[in-house]
């Protein structure tokens, strides 16, 4: 697989998941385009999507404070009955 190749998540075998998941992607990610991240989040029954503006693939290192706050909100949301 070349560094510019992407994985088509819609072509993956169907699986059933019941956990909550936050899919995080940078809007300038050369490896995982936003539309594929959106498709992955949509395929997960309890999936959510965070698109980080002006960010490439290294979202956690480039925008750590934004991602940490989003994760904290996400976890509070799934842990609150």
C-alpha atoms as a PDB file:
ATOM      1  CA  UNK A   1       0.000   0.000   0.000  1.00  0.00           C
ATOM      2  CA  UNK A   2       1.444   3.362  -0.942  1.00  0.00           C
ATOM      3  CA  UNK A   3       1.449   6.288   1.477  1.00  0.00           C
ATOM      4  CA  UNK A   4      -1.355   7.990  -0.498  1.00  0.00           C
ATOM      5  CA  UNK A   5      -3.621   4.909  -0.547  1.00  0.00           C
ATOM      6  CA  UNK A   6      -6.837   4.943   1.446  1.00  0.00           C
ATOM      7  CA  UNK A   7      -8.954   2.131   2.800  1.00  0.00           C
ATOM      8  CA  UNK A   8     -12.568   1.976   1.692  1.00  0.00           C
ATOM      9  CA  UNK A   9     -14.351   1.172   4.948  1.00  0.00           C
ATOM     10  CA  UNK A  10     -17.638   0.546   3.160  1.00  0.00           C
ATOM     11  CA  UNK A  11     -16.002  -2.428   1.404  1.00  0.00           C
ATOM     12  CA  UNK A  12     -14.995  -4.073   4.690  1.00  0.00           C
ATOM     13  CA  UNK A  13     -16.900  -7.130   5.950  1.00  0.00           C
ATOM     14  CA  UNK A  14     -19.981  -6.229   7.965  1.00  0.00           C
ATOM     15  CA  UNK A  15     -19.533  -6.543  11.711  1.00  0.00           C
ATOM     16  CA  UNK A  16     -21.826  -5.686  14.606  1.00  0.00           C
ATOM     17  CA  UNK A  17     -20.518  -3.457  17.384  1.00  0.00           C
ATOM     18  CA  UNK A  18     -22.393  -2.154  20.395  1.00  0.00           C
ATOM     19  CA  UNK A  19     -19.776   0.157  21.912  1.00  0.00           C
ATOM     20  CA  UNK A  20     -19.571   3.928  21.563  1.00  0.00           C
ATOM     21  CA  UNK A  21     -16.754   5.236  19.390  1.00  0.00           C
ATOM     22  CA  UNK A  22     -15.397   8.651  18.518  1.00  0.00           C
ATOM     23  CA  UNK A  23     -13.782   8.756  15.080  1.00  0.00           C
ATOM     24  CA  UNK A  24     -11.268  11.618  14.874  1.00  0.00           C
ATOM     25  CA  UNK A  25      -9.906  12.934  11.584  1.00  0.00           C
ATOM     26  CA  UNK A  26      -8.138  16.050  10.370  1.00  0.00           C
ATOM     27  CA  UNK A  27      -9.817  17.843   7.497  1.00  0.00           C
ATOM     28  CA  UNK A  28      -6.509  17.792   5.593  1.00  0.00           C
ATOM     29  CA  UNK A  29      -5.637  14.152   6.272  1.00  0.00           C
ATOM     30  CA  UNK A  30      -3.936  12.678   3.178  1.00  0.00           C
ATOM     31  CA  UNK A  31      -4.465   9.090   4.391  1.00  0.00           C
ATOM     32  CA  UNK A  32      -8.035   9.067   5.712  1.00  0.00           C
ATOM     33  CA  UNK A  33     -10.335  11.459   3.849  1.00  0.00           C
ATOM     34  CA  UNK A  34     -13.164  13.018   5.847  1.00  0.00           C
ATOM     35  CA  UNK A  35     -15.804  11.194   3.792  1.00  0.00           C
ATOM     36  CA  UNK A  36     -14.298   7.831   4.747  1.00  0.00           C
ATOM     37  CA  UNK A  37     -14.080   8.807   8.417  1.00  0.00           C
ATOM     38  CA  UNK A  38     -17.718   9.892   8.229  1.00  0.00           C
ATOM     39  CA  UNK A  39     -18.632   6.552   6.648  1.00  0.00           C
ATOM     40  CA  UNK A  40     -16.846   4.676   9.435  1.00  0.00           C
ATOM     41  CA  UNK A  41     -18.648   6.692  12.128  1.00  0.00           C
ATOM     42  CA  UNK A  42     -21.943   6.129  10.326  1.00  0.00           C
ATOM     43  CA  UNK A  43     -21.381   2.368  10.170  1.00  0.00           C
ATOM     44  CA  UNK A  44     -20.895   2.174  13.925  1.00  0.00           C
ATOM     45  CA  UNK A  45     -24.249   2.025  15.755  1.00  0.00           C
ATOM     46  CA  UNK A  46     -22.978   4.458  18.412  1.00  0.00           C
ATOM     47  CA  UNK A  47     -20.388   6.257  16.299  1.00  0.00           C
ATOM     48  CA  UNK A  48     -19.578   9.953  16.482  1.00  0.00           C
ATOM     49  CA  UNK A  49     -17.271  11.997  14.286  1.00  0.00           C
ATOM     50  CA  UNK A  50     -14.870  14.813  15.140  1.00  0.00           C
ATOM     51  CA  UNK A  51     -13.396  16.638  12.143  1.00  0.00           C
ATOM     52  CA  UNK A  52     -10.512  18.859  13.221  1.00  0.00           C
ATOM     53  CA  UNK A  53     -10.052  21.915  10.997  1.00  0.00           C
ATOM     54  CA  UNK A  54      -6.713  22.814   9.420  1.00  0.00           C
ATOM     55  CA  UNK A  55      -5.150  19.548  10.524  1.00  0.00           C
ATOM     56  CA  UNK A  56      -3.396  16.693   8.694  1.00  0.00           C
ATOM     57  CA  UNK A  57      -3.158  13.073   9.856  1.00  0.00           C
ATOM     58  CA  UNK A  58      -1.378  13.756  13.179  1.00  0.00           C
ATOM     59  CA  UNK A  59      -4.478  15.115  14.915  1.00  0.00           C
ATOM     60  CA  UNK A  60      -3.543  14.011  18.447  1.00  0.00           C
ATOM     61  CA  UNK A  61      -0.139  15.693  18.351  1.00  0.00           C
ATOM     62  CA  UNK A  62      -1.059  18.776  16.327  1.00  0.00           C
ATOM     63  CA  UNK A  63      -4.288  19.686  18.164  1.00  0.00           C
ATOM     64  CA  UNK A  64      -3.962  17.839  21.470  1.00  0.00           C
ATOM     65  CA  UNK A  65      -5.995  20.262  23.597  1.00  0.00           C
ATOM     66  CA  UNK A  66      -8.924  20.256  21.166  1.00  0.00           C
ATOM     67  CA  UNK A  67      -8.928  16.459  20.940  1.00  0.00           C
ATOM     68  CA  UNK A  68      -8.596  16.058  24.719  1.00  0.00           C
ATOM     69  CA  UNK A  69     -11.602  18.333  25.299  1.00  0.00           C
ATOM     70  CA  UNK A  70     -13.632  16.462  22.661  1.00  0.00           C
ATOM     71  CA  UNK A  71     -12.712  13.125  24.270  1.00  0.00           C
ATOM     72  CA  UNK A  72     -13.694  14.423  27.712  1.00  0.00           C
ATOM     73  CA  UNK A  73     -17.113  15.548  26.357  1.00  0.00           C
ATOM     74  CA  UNK A  74     -17.506  12.228  24.547  1.00  0.00           C
ATOM     75  CA  UNK A  75     -16.710  10.181  27.669  1.00  0.00           C
ATOM     76  CA  UNK A  76     -18.970  12.325  29.863  1.00  0.00           C
ATOM     77  CA  UNK A  77     -21.745  11.749  27.329  1.00  0.00           C
ATOM     78  CA  UNK A  78     -21.430   7.976  27.275  1.00  0.00           C
ATOM     79  CA  UNK A  79     -20.909   7.600  31.022  1.00  0.00           C
ATOM     80  CA  UNK A  80     -23.896   9.744  32.006  1.00  0.00           C
ATOM     81  CA  UNK A  81     -27.103   7.652  32.177  1.00  0.00           C
END
